């Protein structure tokens, strides 16, 4: 996480106490005009290419360098992540208190990644699908092997051919259970906020889907509807609980 992030929202600072100190998990009381402050996060995946535009399986040394420099600069090194193939990387933000905070965190992390990629003779290709035929090899990771065994290696290999953008919206504490998406005993105010955030996510989804995706196919193979998202989930909006954000911020 960026060190000493300034409070850019001023008037909402009263709501920005630690989550454990917020009554009712930060949910406004029934009838109250106060609006709780929810955090947001962004992830974006990039193809790693050399200066000729060819894919390079150099994610590991690139990410190691990013994490070293990030740690030295007070940035959370976990914001630079590996993906299922070594030609994909993911740049993320910590849980952020507003759009301005999110933009500052994202652009700072992206600038660091672009600068270090350039030093290594690499570049980050930001679009959803790579325009040339590729056959990336999946990492030898248990989680990826399980997914491939469930849906089939050929289908799961599409994950290594798509770069996505993912927006995360924070939910009130107690809104979700680990084994069920929505907690049935959540306070009414929390349920209403969950519905509002769901509607917001639904409204944002088309724009987010279109932002990184040039086409829903690779190598002339259809991967999704031309009118909608890729079948492999090129872009998405999701919601996470305050407990999850607390773990991410720790």
C-alpha atoms as a PDB file:
ATOM      1  CA  UNK A   1       0.000   0.000   0.000  1.00  0.00           C
ATOM      2  CA  UNK A   2       1.199   3.507  -0.691  1.00  0.00           C
ATOM      3  CA  UNK A   3       2.638   5.083   2.414  1.00  0.00           C
ATOM      4  CA  UNK A   4       1.092   8.255   3.843  1.00  0.00           C
ATOM      5  CA  UNK A   5      -1.730   8.545   1.319  1.00  0.00           C
ATOM      6  CA  UNK A   6      -3.249  12.029   1.756  1.00  0.00           C
ATOM      7  CA  UNK A   7      -6.914  12.449   2.615  1.00  0.00           C
ATOM      8  CA  UNK A   8      -8.241  13.797  -0.674  1.00  0.00           C
ATOM      9  CA  UNK A   9     -11.945  13.728   0.201  1.00  0.00           C
ATOM     10  CA  UNK A  10     -11.853  16.011   3.234  1.00  0.00           C
ATOM     11  CA  UNK A  11     -15.485  16.092   4.291  1.00  0.00           C
ATOM     12  CA  UNK A  12     -15.783  12.302   4.441  1.00  0.00           C
ATOM     13  CA  UNK A  13     -12.842  11.840   6.792  1.00  0.00           C
ATOM     14  CA  UNK A  14     -15.143  11.187   9.754  1.00  0.00           C
ATOM     15  CA  UNK A  15     -16.298   7.978   8.077  1.00  0.00           C
ATOM     16  CA  UNK A  16     -12.775   6.775   7.436  1.00  0.00           C
ATOM     17  CA  UNK A  17     -12.025   5.320  10.871  1.00  0.00           C
ATOM     18  CA  UNK A  18     -10.671   1.744  10.958  1.00  0.00           C
ATOM     19  CA  UNK A  19     -13.344  -0.778  10.027  1.00  0.00           C
ATOM     20  CA  UNK A  20     -13.304  -2.359  13.470  1.00  0.00           C
ATOM     21  CA  UNK A  21     -14.205   1.011  15.006  1.00  0.00           C
ATOM     22  CA  UNK A  22     -17.160   1.690  12.684  1.00  0.00           C
ATOM     23  CA  UNK A  23     -20.552   0.893  14.211  1.00  0.00           C
ATOM     24  CA  UNK A  24     -22.608  -1.695  12.343  1.00  0.00           C
ATOM     25  CA  UNK A  25     -19.716  -2.384   9.990  1.00  0.00           C
ATOM     26  CA  UNK A  26     -19.939   1.128   8.573  1.00  0.00           C
ATOM     27  CA  UNK A  27     -23.619   0.869   7.616  1.00  0.00           C
ATOM     28  CA  UNK A  28     -25.579   4.080   8.125  1.00  0.00           C
ATOM     29  CA  UNK A  29     -28.407   3.871  10.683  1.00  0.00           C
ATOM     30  CA  UNK A  30     -31.956   3.533   9.391  1.00  0.00           C
ATOM     31  CA  UNK A  31     -33.178   6.990   8.391  1.00  0.00           C
ATOM     32  CA  UNK A  32     -29.735   8.544   8.710  1.00  0.00           C
ATOM     33  CA  UNK A  33     -28.517  10.901   5.999  1.00  0.00           C
ATOM     34  CA  UNK A  34     -24.896   9.836   6.578  1.00  0.00           C
ATOM     35  CA  UNK A  35     -23.316   7.899   3.722  1.00  0.00           C
ATOM     36  CA  UNK A  36     -20.725   5.237   4.582  1.00  0.00           C
ATOM     37  CA  UNK A  37     -17.452   5.353   2.706  1.00  0.00           C
ATOM     38  CA  UNK A  38     -16.782   2.173   0.758  1.00  0.00           C
ATOM     39  CA  UNK A  39     -13.433   1.338  -0.751  1.00  0.00           C
ATOM     40  CA  UNK A  40     -12.780   0.209  -4.300  1.00  0.00           C
ATOM     41  CA  UNK A  41      -9.959  -1.624  -6.008  1.00  0.00           C
ATOM     42  CA  UNK A  42      -8.808  -2.160  -9.569  1.00  0.00           C
ATOM     43  CA  UNK A  43      -6.891  -4.952 -11.286  1.00  0.00           C
ATOM     44  CA  UNK A  44      -5.640  -4.857 -14.857  1.00  0.00           C
ATOM     45  CA  UNK A  45      -3.844  -7.602 -16.731  1.00  0.00           C
ATOM     46  CA  UNK A  46      -1.283  -6.951 -19.463  1.00  0.00           C
ATOM     47  CA  UNK A  47       0.491  -9.037 -22.066  1.00  0.00           C
ATOM     48  CA  UNK A  48       4.256  -8.797 -21.665  1.00  0.00           C
ATOM     49  CA  UNK A  49       5.914  -8.105 -25.022  1.00  0.00           C
ATOM     50  CA  UNK A  50       9.325  -7.097 -26.305  1.00  0.00           C
ATOM     51  CA  UNK A  51       9.908  -3.999 -28.426  1.00  0.00           C
ATOM     52  CA  UNK A  52       9.044  -5.902 -31.602  1.00  0.00           C
ATOM     53  CA  UNK A  53       5.638  -6.765 -30.141  1.00  0.00           C
ATOM     54  CA  UNK A  54       6.359 -10.467 -29.586  1.00  0.00           C
ATOM     55  CA  UNK A  55       5.161 -12.122 -26.397  1.00  0.00           C
ATOM     56  CA  UNK A  56       7.874 -12.832 -23.837  1.00  0.00           C
ATOM     57  CA  UNK A  57       7.692 -15.345 -20.994  1.00  0.00           C
ATOM     58  CA  UNK A  58       9.542 -13.012 -18.631  1.00  0.00           C
ATOM     59  CA  UNK A  59       6.841 -12.296 -16.072  1.00  0.00           C
ATOM     60  CA  UNK A  60       8.825 -13.739 -13.160  1.00  0.00           C
ATOM     61  CA  UNK A  61      11.984 -11.578 -13.432  1.00  0.00           C
ATOM     62  CA  UNK A  62       9.876  -8.548 -14.347  1.00  0.00           C
ATOM     63  CA  UNK A  63       7.597  -8.974 -11.331  1.00  0.00           C
ATOM     64  CA  UNK A  64      10.512  -9.622  -9.012  1.00  0.00           C
ATOM     65  CA  UNK A  65      12.045  -6.315 -10.078  1.00  0.00           C
ATOM     66  CA  UNK A  66       8.706  -4.508  -9.673  1.00  0.00           C
ATOM     67  CA  UNK A  67       8.267  -5.855  -6.148  1.00  0.00           C
ATOM     68  CA  UNK A  68      11.788  -4.893  -5.116  1.00  0.00           C
ATOM     69  CA  UNK A  69      11.373  -1.311  -6.312  1.00  0.00           C
ATOM     70  CA  UNK A  70       7.828  -1.053  -4.949  1.00  0.00           C
ATOM     71  CA  UNK A  71       8.922  -2.165  -1.489  1.00  0.00           C
ATOM     72  CA  UNK A  72      11.766   0.370  -1.500  1.00  0.00           C
ATOM     73  CA  UNK A  73       9.278   3.131  -2.411  1.00  0.00           C
ATOM     74  CA  UNK A  74       6.669   2.211   0.201  1.00  0.00           C
ATOM     75  CA  UNK A  75       4.274   0.621  -2.290  1.00  0.00           C
ATOM     76  CA  UNK A  76       2.659  -2.712  -1.507  1.00  0.00           C
ATOM     77  CA  UNK A  77       4.657  -5.265  -3.567  1.00  0.00           C
ATOM     78  CA  UNK A  78       1.573  -7.499  -3.708  1.00  0.00           C
ATOM     79  CA  UNK A  79       0.142  -5.065  -6.277  1.00  0.00           C
ATOM     80  CA  UNK A  80       2.322  -6.774  -8.915  1.00  0.00           C
ATOM     81  CA  UNK A  81       1.038 -10.275  -9.558  1.00  0.00           C
ATOM     82  CA  UNK A  82       1.684 -13.293 -11.732  1.00  0.00           C
ATOM     83  CA  UNK A  83      -0.998 -14.811 -13.931  1.00  0.00           C
ATOM     84  CA  UNK A  84      -1.669 -18.300 -15.289  1.00  0.00           C
ATOM     85  CA  UNK A  85       0.991 -17.922 -18.007  1.00  0.00           C
ATOM     86  CA  UNK A  86       4.394 -16.243 -17.913  1.00  0.00           C
ATOM     87  CA  UNK A  87       3.505 -13.798 -20.676  1.00  0.00           C
ATOM     88  CA  UNK A  88       0.766 -12.149 -18.572  1.00  0.00           C
ATOM     89  CA  UNK A  89       1.104  -9.885 -15.534  1.00  0.00           C
ATOM     90  CA  UNK A  90      -1.431  -8.108 -13.338  1.00  0.00           C
ATOM     91  CA  UNK A  91      -1.144  -4.606 -11.877  1.00  0.00           C
ATOM     92  CA  UNK A  92      -3.501  -3.916  -8.977  1.00  0.00           C
ATOM     93  CA  UNK A  93      -4.289  -1.272  -6.384  1.00  0.00           C
ATOM     94  CA  UNK A  94      -4.762  -1.563  -2.634  1.00  0.00           C
ATOM     95  CA  UNK A  95      -8.302  -0.933  -1.338  1.00  0.00           C
ATOM     96  CA  UNK A  96      -8.812   2.773  -2.113  1.00  0.00           C
ATOM     97  CA  UNK A  97     -11.084   5.321  -0.414  1.00  0.00           C
ATOM     98  CA  UNK A  98     -12.452   7.030  -3.528  1.00  0.00           C
ATOM     99  CA  UNK A  99     -12.079   7.457  -7.254  1.00  0.00           C
ATOM    100  CA  UNK A 100      -9.276  10.010  -6.856  1.00  0.00           C
ATOM    101  CA  UNK A 101      -7.454   7.722  -4.436  1.00  0.00           C
ATOM    102  CA  UNK A 102      -7.950   4.769  -6.791  1.00  0.00           C
ATOM    103  CA  UNK A 103      -6.629   6.727  -9.790  1.00  0.00           C
ATOM    104  CA  UNK A 104      -3.582   7.893  -7.838  1.00  0.00           C
ATOM    105  CA  UNK A 105      -2.751   4.369  -6.666  1.00  0.00           C
ATOM    106  CA  UNK A 106      -3.335   2.803 -10.077  1.00  0.00           C
ATOM    107  CA  UNK A 107      -1.387   5.365 -12.079  1.00  0.00           C
ATOM    108  CA  UNK A 108       1.490   5.267  -9.605  1.00  0.00           C
ATOM    109  CA  UNK A 109       1.744   1.476  -9.804  1.00  0.00           C
ATOM    110  CA  UNK A 110       1.330   1.491 -13.583  1.00  0.00           C
ATOM    111  CA  UNK A 111       4.039   4.139 -14.004  1.00  0.00           C
ATOM    112  CA  UNK A 112       6.441   2.028 -11.940  1.00  0.00           C
ATOM    113  CA  UNK A 113       5.655  -1.074 -14.018  1.00  0.00           C
ATOM    114  CA  UNK A 114       6.038   0.752 -17.343  1.00  0.00           C
ATOM    115  CA  UNK A 115       9.350   2.285 -16.310  1.00  0.00           C
ATOM    116  CA  UNK A 116      10.829  -1.025 -15.182  1.00  0.00           C
ATOM    117  CA  UNK A 117       9.510  -2.842 -18.249  1.00  0.00           C
ATOM    118  CA  UNK A 118      11.247  -0.281 -20.459  1.00  0.00           C
ATOM    119  CA  UNK A 119      14.511  -0.803 -18.566  1.00  0.00           C
ATOM    120  CA  UNK A 120      14.246  -4.524 -19.340  1.00  0.00           C
ATOM    121  CA  UNK A 121      13.464  -3.931 -23.026  1.00  0.00           C
ATOM    122  CA  UNK A 122       9.819  -4.896 -22.509  1.00  0.00           C
ATOM    123  CA  UNK A 123       6.414  -3.259 -22.835  1.00  0.00           C
ATOM    124  CA  UNK A 124       2.914  -3.866 -21.481  1.00  0.00           C
ATOM    125  CA  UNK A 125       0.245  -4.595 -24.119  1.00  0.00           C
ATOM    126  CA  UNK A 126      -3.073  -3.457 -22.597  1.00  0.00           C
ATOM    127  CA  UNK A 127      -5.785  -4.842 -24.902  1.00  0.00           C
ATOM    128  CA  UNK A 128      -8.011  -7.788 -24.060  1.00  0.00           C
ATOM    129  CA  UNK A 129      -6.867 -10.243 -26.751  1.00  0.00           C
ATOM    130  CA  UNK A 130      -3.546 -10.641 -28.519  1.00  0.00           C
ATOM    131  CA  UNK A 131      -3.866 -10.106 -32.311  1.00  0.00           C
ATOM    132  CA  UNK A 132      -1.556 -12.935 -33.398  1.00  0.00           C
ATOM    133  CA  UNK A 133      -1.799 -16.731 -32.985  1.00  0.00           C
ATOM    134  CA  UNK A 134      -0.361 -17.745 -29.604  1.00  0.00           C
ATOM    135  CA  UNK A 135      -0.172 -20.958 -27.604  1.00  0.00           C
ATOM    136  CA  UNK A 136       0.973 -19.948 -24.114  1.00  0.00           C
ATOM    137  CA  UNK A 137       1.905 -22.725 -21.711  1.00  0.00           C
ATOM    138  CA  UNK A 138       0.086 -22.735 -18.378  1.00  0.00           C
ATOM    139  CA  UNK A 139       2.138 -22.424 -15.217  1.00  0.00           C
ATOM    140  CA  UNK A 140       2.740 -25.653 -13.310  1.00  0.00           C
ATOM    141  CA  UNK A 141       0.536 -24.572 -10.411  1.00  0.00           C
ATOM    142  CA  UNK A 142      -1.899 -26.780  -8.490  1.00  0.00           C
ATOM    143  CA  UNK A 143      -4.732 -24.256  -8.683  1.00  0.00           C
ATOM    144  CA  UNK A 144      -4.446 -23.913 -12.443  1.00  0.00           C
ATOM    145  CA  UNK A 145      -4.139 -27.673 -12.903  1.00  0.00           C
ATOM    146  CA  UNK A 146      -7.364 -28.205 -10.947  1.00  0.00           C
ATOM    147  CA  UNK A 147      -9.232 -25.625 -13.042  1.00  0.00           C
ATOM    148  CA  UNK A 148      -7.910 -27.125 -16.266  1.00  0.00           C
ATOM    149  CA  UNK A 149      -8.942 -30.613 -15.160  1.00  0.00           C
ATOM    150  CA  UNK A 150     -12.473 -29.403 -14.407  1.00  0.00           C
ATOM    151  CA  UNK A 151     -13.253 -27.440 -17.565  1.00  0.00           C
ATOM    152  CA  UNK A 152     -10.685 -28.974 -19.900  1.00  0.00           C
ATOM    153  CA  UNK A 153      -7.172 -27.853 -20.750  1.00  0.00           C
ATOM    154  CA  UNK A 154      -8.135 -26.436 -24.149  1.00  0.00           C
ATOM    155  CA  UNK A 155     -10.939 -24.291 -22.757  1.00  0.00           C
ATOM    156  CA  UNK A 156      -8.935 -23.133 -19.748  1.00  0.00           C
ATOM    157  CA  UNK A 157      -5.989 -22.211 -21.985  1.00  0.00           C
ATOM    158  CA  UNK A 158      -8.087 -19.255 -23.204  1.00  0.00           C
ATOM    159  CA  UNK A 159      -7.298 -17.631 -19.853  1.00  0.00           C
ATOM    160  CA  UNK A 160      -3.728 -17.222 -21.053  1.00  0.00           C
ATOM    161  CA  UNK A 161      -4.910 -15.504 -24.234  1.00  0.00           C
ATOM    162  CA  UNK A 162      -7.013 -12.773 -22.565  1.00  0.00           C
ATOM    163  CA  UNK A 163      -6.034  -9.783 -20.465  1.00  0.00           C
ATOM    164  CA  UNK A 164      -8.830  -8.413 -18.300  1.00  0.00           C
ATOM    165  CA  UNK A 165      -9.747  -5.477 -16.112  1.00  0.00           C
ATOM    166  CA  UNK A 166     -11.541  -6.096 -12.810  1.00  0.00           C
ATOM    167  CA  UNK A 167     -13.164  -3.540 -10.504  1.00  0.00           C
ATOM    168  CA  UNK A 168     -13.864  -4.500  -6.877  1.00  0.00           C
ATOM    169  CA  UNK A 169     -16.496  -2.761  -4.744  1.00  0.00           C
ATOM    170  CA  UNK A 170     -16.477  -3.062  -0.955  1.00  0.00           C
ATOM    171  CA  UNK A 171     -19.558  -4.337   0.882  1.00  0.00           C
ATOM    172  CA  UNK A 172     -20.699  -3.712   4.465  1.00  0.00           C
ATOM    173  CA  UNK A 173     -19.372  -6.132   7.068  1.00  0.00           C
ATOM    174  CA  UNK A 174     -21.610  -9.165   7.498  1.00  0.00           C
ATOM    175  CA  UNK A 175     -23.204  -8.872   4.049  1.00  0.00           C
ATOM    176  CA  UNK A 176     -21.691 -12.102   2.718  1.00  0.00           C
ATOM    177  CA  UNK A 177     -20.903 -15.490   4.220  1.00  0.00           C
ATOM    178  CA  UNK A 178     -17.874 -17.563   3.148  1.00  0.00           C
ATOM    179  CA  UNK A 179     -20.112 -20.353   1.797  1.00  0.00           C
ATOM    180  CA  UNK A 180     -23.067 -18.266   0.545  1.00  0.00           C
ATOM    181  CA  UNK A 181     -22.882 -15.127  -1.567  1.00  0.00           C
ATOM    182  CA  UNK A 182     -25.437 -13.101   0.424  1.00  0.00           C
ATOM    183  CA  UNK A 183     -25.885 -13.348   4.204  1.00  0.00           C
ATOM    184  CA  UNK A 184     -29.563 -13.878   5.020  1.00  0.00           C
ATOM    185  CA  UNK A 185     -29.226 -12.237   8.454  1.00  0.00           C
ATOM    186  CA  UNK A 186     -27.533  -9.051   7.188  1.00  0.00           C
ATOM    187  CA  UNK A 187     -29.082  -5.783   8.475  1.00  0.00           C
ATOM    188  CA  UNK A 188     -31.751  -4.269   6.217  1.00  0.00           C
ATOM    189  CA  UNK A 189     -29.532  -1.225   5.570  1.00  0.00           C
ATOM    190  CA  UNK A 190     -26.688  -3.513   4.500  1.00  0.00           C
ATOM    191  CA  UNK A 191     -28.992  -5.475   2.189  1.00  0.00           C
ATOM    192  CA  UNK A 192     -30.160  -2.251   0.569  1.00  0.00           C
ATOM    193  CA  UNK A 193     -26.587  -1.125   0.069  1.00  0.00           C
ATOM    194  CA  UNK A 194     -25.718  -4.516  -1.417  1.00  0.00           C
ATOM    195  CA  UNK A 195     -28.567  -4.134  -3.909  1.00  0.00           C
ATOM    196  CA  UNK A 196     -27.397  -0.617  -4.784  1.00  0.00           C
ATOM    197  CA  UNK A 197     -23.834  -1.782  -5.333  1.00  0.00           C
ATOM    198  CA  UNK A 198     -25.070  -4.692  -7.441  1.00  0.00           C
ATOM    199  CA  UNK A 199     -27.012  -2.274  -9.635  1.00  0.00           C
ATOM    200  CA  UNK A 200     -23.961  -0.023  -9.866  1.00  0.00           C
ATOM    201  CA  UNK A 201     -21.794  -2.968 -10.898  1.00  0.00           C
ATOM    202  CA  UNK A 202     -24.359  -3.971 -13.520  1.00  0.00           C
ATOM    203  CA  UNK A 203     -24.341  -0.450 -14.940  1.00  0.00           C
ATOM    204  CA  UNK A 204     -20.547  -0.255 -15.011  1.00  0.00           C
ATOM    205  CA  UNK A 205     -20.007  -3.690 -16.537  1.00  0.00           C
ATOM    206  CA  UNK A 206     -20.586  -2.829 -20.236  1.00  0.00           C
ATOM    207  CA  UNK A 207     -18.103   0.044 -20.154  1.00  0.00           C
ATOM    208  CA  UNK A 208     -15.512  -2.026 -18.313  1.00  0.00           C
ATOM    209  CA  UNK A 209     -15.956  -4.940 -20.698  1.00  0.00           C
ATOM    210  CA  UNK A 210     -15.358  -2.712 -23.695  1.00  0.00           C
ATOM    211  CA  UNK A 211     -12.411  -0.772 -22.255  1.00  0.00           C
ATOM    212  CA  UNK A 212      -9.677  -3.426 -22.776  1.00  0.00           C
ATOM    213  CA  UNK A 213     -11.263  -5.756 -25.324  1.00  0.00           C
ATOM    214  CA  UNK A 214     -10.653  -5.195 -29.050  1.00  0.00           C
ATOM    215  CA  UNK A 215     -12.450  -8.366 -30.154  1.00  0.00           C
ATOM    216  CA  UNK A 216     -14.054 -11.466 -28.611  1.00  0.00           C
ATOM    217  CA  UNK A 217     -11.886 -13.883 -30.579  1.00  0.00           C
ATOM    218  CA  UNK A 218      -8.286 -14.984 -30.950  1.00  0.00           C
ATOM    219  CA  UNK A 219      -6.712 -16.830 -33.885  1.00  0.00           C
ATOM    220  CA  UNK A 220     -10.086 -16.666 -35.674  1.00  0.00           C
ATOM    221  CA  UNK A 221     -11.630 -18.659 -32.823  1.00  0.00           C
ATOM    222  CA  UNK A 222     -14.791 -17.223 -31.271  1.00  0.00           C
ATOM    223  CA  UNK A 223     -14.463 -16.867 -27.513  1.00  0.00           C
ATOM    224  CA  UNK A 224     -17.601 -14.872 -26.711  1.00  0.00           C
ATOM    225  CA  UNK A 225     -20.426 -12.811 -28.073  1.00  0.00           C
ATOM    226  CA  UNK A 226     -19.458  -9.775 -30.172  1.00  0.00           C
ATOM    227  CA  UNK A 227     -22.126  -7.886 -28.217  1.00  0.00           C
ATOM    228  CA  UNK A 228     -20.965  -8.950 -24.756  1.00  0.00           C
ATOM    229  CA  UNK A 229     -18.181 -10.141 -22.569  1.00  0.00           C
ATOM    230  CA  UNK A 230     -15.740 -12.849 -23.474  1.00  0.00           C
ATOM    231  CA  UNK A 231     -16.627 -16.338 -22.338  1.00  0.00           C
ATOM    232  CA  UNK A 232     -13.386 -16.317 -20.366  1.00  0.00           C
ATOM    233  CA  UNK A 233     -14.301 -13.197 -18.412  1.00  0.00           C
ATOM    234  CA  UNK A 234     -12.148 -10.527 -20.051  1.00  0.00           C
ATOM    235  CA  UNK A 235     -13.546  -7.856 -17.745  1.00  0.00           C
ATOM    236  CA  UNK A 236     -15.801  -7.782 -14.738  1.00  0.00           C
ATOM    237  CA  UNK A 237     -17.061  -5.887 -11.741  1.00  0.00           C
ATOM    238  CA  UNK A 238     -17.257  -7.726  -8.433  1.00  0.00           C
ATOM    239  CA  UNK A 239     -18.017  -6.985  -4.809  1.00  0.00           C
ATOM    240  CA  UNK A 240     -15.957  -7.932  -1.773  1.00  0.00           C
ATOM    241  CA  UNK A 241     -16.715  -7.671   1.921  1.00  0.00           C
ATOM    242  CA  UNK A 242     -15.066  -5.341   4.418  1.00  0.00           C
ATOM    243  CA  UNK A 243     -13.421  -8.397   5.984  1.00  0.00           C
ATOM    244  CA  UNK A 244     -11.715  -9.182   2.669  1.00  0.00           C
ATOM    245  CA  UNK A 245     -10.572  -5.572   2.279  1.00  0.00           C
ATOM    246  CA  UNK A 246      -9.209  -5.640   5.810  1.00  0.00           C
ATOM    247  CA  UNK A 247      -7.093  -8.678   4.960  1.00  0.00           C
ATOM    248  CA  UNK A 248      -5.856  -7.035   1.763  1.00  0.00           C
ATOM    249  CA  UNK A 249      -4.941  -3.857   3.614  1.00  0.00           C
ATOM    250  CA  UNK A 250      -3.109  -5.664   6.432  1.00  0.00           C
END
